[in-house]
Amino acid sequence: MGLLIIPAFVHAQTPVAYYPFGSDANDAMSSNSGTVNGATLTTDRFGNANSAYSFDGVDDFIGLNYNFGPFTEINSFGMVQSNSHFA
């Protein structure tokens, strides 16, 4: 499981970044690595250790310092599991 980013531009079908979260937030396709701020590595849904990130829901995030150029929208895919229930 990881995060794949594809610019939402009609002619752009090639991903610009892929983050497999294999013990870090490095981009596996190029040099668009993320910076982890507070999030901690955890076990993914398949039981693989250090293959997912846990966020506290307050101020944890993974920052991306990438200029997407003329692209004003991006498509991304990720899985989210919530440990809290909100009324």
C-alpha atoms as a PDB file:
ATOM      1  CA  MET A   1       0.000   0.000   0.000  1.00  0.00           C
ATOM      2  CA  GLY A   2       1.282   3.428  -0.810  1.00  0.00           C
ATOM      3  CA  LEU A   3       0.300   6.766  -2.262  1.00  0.00           C
ATOM      4  CA  LEU A   4       0.349   7.365  -6.019  1.00  0.00           C
ATOM      5  CA  ILE A   5       0.087  10.933  -7.327  1.00  0.00           C
ATOM      6  CA  ILE A   6      -1.036  11.634 -10.889  1.00  0.00           C
ATOM      7  CA  PRO A   7      -1.643  15.192 -12.150  1.00  0.00           C
ATOM      8  CA  ALA A   8      -5.294  15.651 -13.085  1.00  0.00           C
ATOM      9  CA  PHE A   9      -4.432  17.067 -16.493  1.00  0.00           C
ATOM     10  CA  VAL A  10      -6.113  15.618 -19.558  1.00  0.00           C
ATOM     11  CA  HIS A  11      -2.871  14.706 -21.332  1.00  0.00           C
ATOM     12  CA  ALA A  12      -0.869  13.647 -18.281  1.00  0.00           C
ATOM     13  CA  GLN A  13      -1.224   9.929 -17.729  1.00  0.00           C
ATOM     14  CA  THR A  14       2.184   9.336 -16.165  1.00  0.00           C
ATOM     15  CA  PRO A  15       2.450   9.407 -12.369  1.00  0.00           C
ATOM     16  CA  VAL A  16       4.792  12.063 -11.006  1.00  0.00           C
ATOM     17  CA  ALA A  17       5.337  10.428  -7.625  1.00  0.00           C
ATOM     18  CA  TYR A  18       4.863   7.115  -5.810  1.00  0.00           C
ATOM     19  CA  TYR A  19       5.241   6.681  -2.063  1.00  0.00           C
ATOM     20  CA  PRO A  20       5.220   2.969  -1.110  1.00  0.00           C
ATOM     21  CA  PHE A  21       5.915   3.815   2.579  1.00  0.00           C
ATOM     22  CA  GLY A  22       8.528   1.080   2.924  1.00  0.00           C
ATOM     23  CA  SER A  23       9.973   2.481   6.191  1.00  0.00           C
ATOM     24  CA  ASP A  24      10.073   6.113   4.967  1.00  0.00           C
ATOM     25  CA  ALA A  25       8.218   8.704   2.854  1.00  0.00           C
ATOM     26  CA  ASN A  26      10.644   8.589  -0.056  1.00  0.00           C
ATOM     27  CA  ASP A  27       9.362   8.842  -3.629  1.00  0.00           C
ATOM     28  CA  ALA A  28      10.132   5.551  -5.407  1.00  0.00           C
ATOM     29  CA  MET A  29       9.836   7.130  -8.880  1.00  0.00           C
ATOM     30  CA  SER A  30      11.963  10.270  -8.634  1.00  0.00           C
ATOM     31  CA  SER A  31      13.246  12.784  -6.097  1.00  0.00           C
ATOM     32  CA  ASN A  32       9.933  14.079  -4.718  1.00  0.00           C
ATOM     33  CA  SER A  33      10.378  12.596  -1.250  1.00  0.00           C
ATOM     34  CA  GLY A  34       8.131  13.641   1.601  1.00  0.00           C
ATOM     35  CA  THR A  35       9.072  14.909   5.048  1.00  0.00           C
ATOM     36  CA  VAL A  36       7.355  13.111   7.937  1.00  0.00           C
ATOM     37  CA  ASN A  37       6.112  15.482  10.647  1.00  0.00           C
ATOM     38  CA  GLY A  38       4.891  13.618  13.722  1.00  0.00           C
ATOM     39  CA  ALA A  39       3.423  10.563  11.983  1.00  0.00           C
ATOM     40  CA  THR A  40       4.838   7.203  13.069  1.00  0.00           C
ATOM     41  CA  LEU A  41       5.389   4.022  11.100  1.00  0.00           C
ATOM     42  CA  THR A  42       2.999   1.191  11.875  1.00  0.00           C
ATOM     43  CA  THR A  43       1.839  -2.177  10.527  1.00  0.00           C
ATOM     44  CA  ASP A  44      -0.215  -2.063   7.323  1.00  0.00           C
ATOM     45  CA  ARG A  45      -3.497  -3.900   6.701  1.00  0.00           C
ATOM     46  CA  PHE A  46      -1.609  -6.971   5.439  1.00  0.00           C
ATOM     47  CA  GLY A  47       0.497  -7.266   8.608  1.00  0.00           C
ATOM     48  CA  ASN A  48       3.690  -5.779   7.113  1.00  0.00           C
ATOM     49  CA  ALA A  49       5.603  -3.894   9.794  1.00  0.00           C
ATOM     50  CA  ASN A  50       6.710  -0.296   9.078  1.00  0.00           C
ATOM     51  CA  SER A  51       4.663  -0.112   5.863  1.00  0.00           C
ATOM     52  CA  ALA A  52       2.010   2.440   6.851  1.00  0.00           C
ATOM     53  CA  TYR A  53       1.838   5.680   8.823  1.00  0.00           C
ATOM     54  CA  SER A  54      -0.226   6.470  11.911  1.00  0.00           C
ATOM     55  CA  PHE A  55      -1.408  10.080  12.331  1.00  0.00           C
ATOM     56  CA  ASP A  56      -2.662  11.582  15.598  1.00  0.00           C
ATOM     57  CA  GLY A  57      -5.519  13.432  13.864  1.00  0.00           C
ATOM     58  CA  VAL A  58      -4.337  16.773  15.220  1.00  0.00           C
ATOM     59  CA  ASP A  59      -1.088  17.967  13.692  1.00  0.00           C
ATOM     60  CA  ASP A  60       0.734  15.026  12.080  1.00  0.00           C
ATOM     61  CA  PHE A  61       1.347  15.204   8.340  1.00  0.00           C
ATOM     62  CA  ILE A  62       3.729  14.275   5.528  1.00  0.00           C
ATOM     63  CA  GLY A  63       4.879  17.385   3.705  1.00  0.00           C
ATOM     64  CA  LEU A  64       5.642  17.355   0.001  1.00  0.00           C
ATOM     65  CA  ASN A  65       8.004  19.978  -1.395  1.00  0.00           C
ATOM     66  CA  TYR A  66       7.154  19.430  -5.029  1.00  0.00           C
ATOM     67  CA  ASN A  67       6.154  21.995  -7.620  1.00  0.00           C
ATOM     68  CA  PHE A  68       3.462  20.408  -9.769  1.00  0.00           C
ATOM     69  CA  GLY A  69       4.065  23.075 -12.408  1.00  0.00           C
ATOM     70  CA  PRO A  70       0.974  23.924 -14.452  1.00  0.00           C
ATOM     71  CA  PHE A  71      -1.099  21.274 -12.676  1.00  0.00           C
ATOM     72  CA  THR A  72      -3.606  22.776 -10.260  1.00  0.00           C
ATOM     73  CA  GLU A  73      -5.214  19.452  -9.363  1.00  0.00           C
ATOM     74  CA  ILE A  74      -3.776  16.066  -8.486  1.00  0.00           C
ATOM     75  CA  ASN A  75      -5.328  12.631  -8.079  1.00  0.00           C
ATOM     76  CA  SER A  76      -4.168  10.459  -5.222  1.00  0.00           C
ATOM     77  CA  PHE A  77      -5.130   7.104  -3.792  1.00  0.00           C
ATOM     78  CA  GLY A  78      -4.649   5.887  -0.265  1.00  0.00           C
ATOM     79  CA  MET A  79      -6.306   3.705   2.389  1.00  0.00           C
ATOM     80  CA  VAL A  80      -7.457   5.190   5.679  1.00  0.00           C
ATOM     81  CA  GLN A  81      -8.411   3.339   8.844  1.00  0.00           C
ATOM     82  CA  SER A  82     -10.012   5.286  11.670  1.00  0.00           C
ATOM     83  CA  ASN A  83      -9.674   4.166  15.277  1.00  0.00           C
ATOM     84  CA  SER A  84     -12.250   6.731  16.452  1.00  0.00           C
ATOM     85  CA  HIS A  85     -15.973   7.015  15.970  1.00  0.00           C
ATOM     86  CA  PHE A  86     -17.548  10.442  15.702  1.00  0.00           C
ATOM     87  CA  ALA A  87     -21.177  11.128  16.576  1.00  0.00           C
END
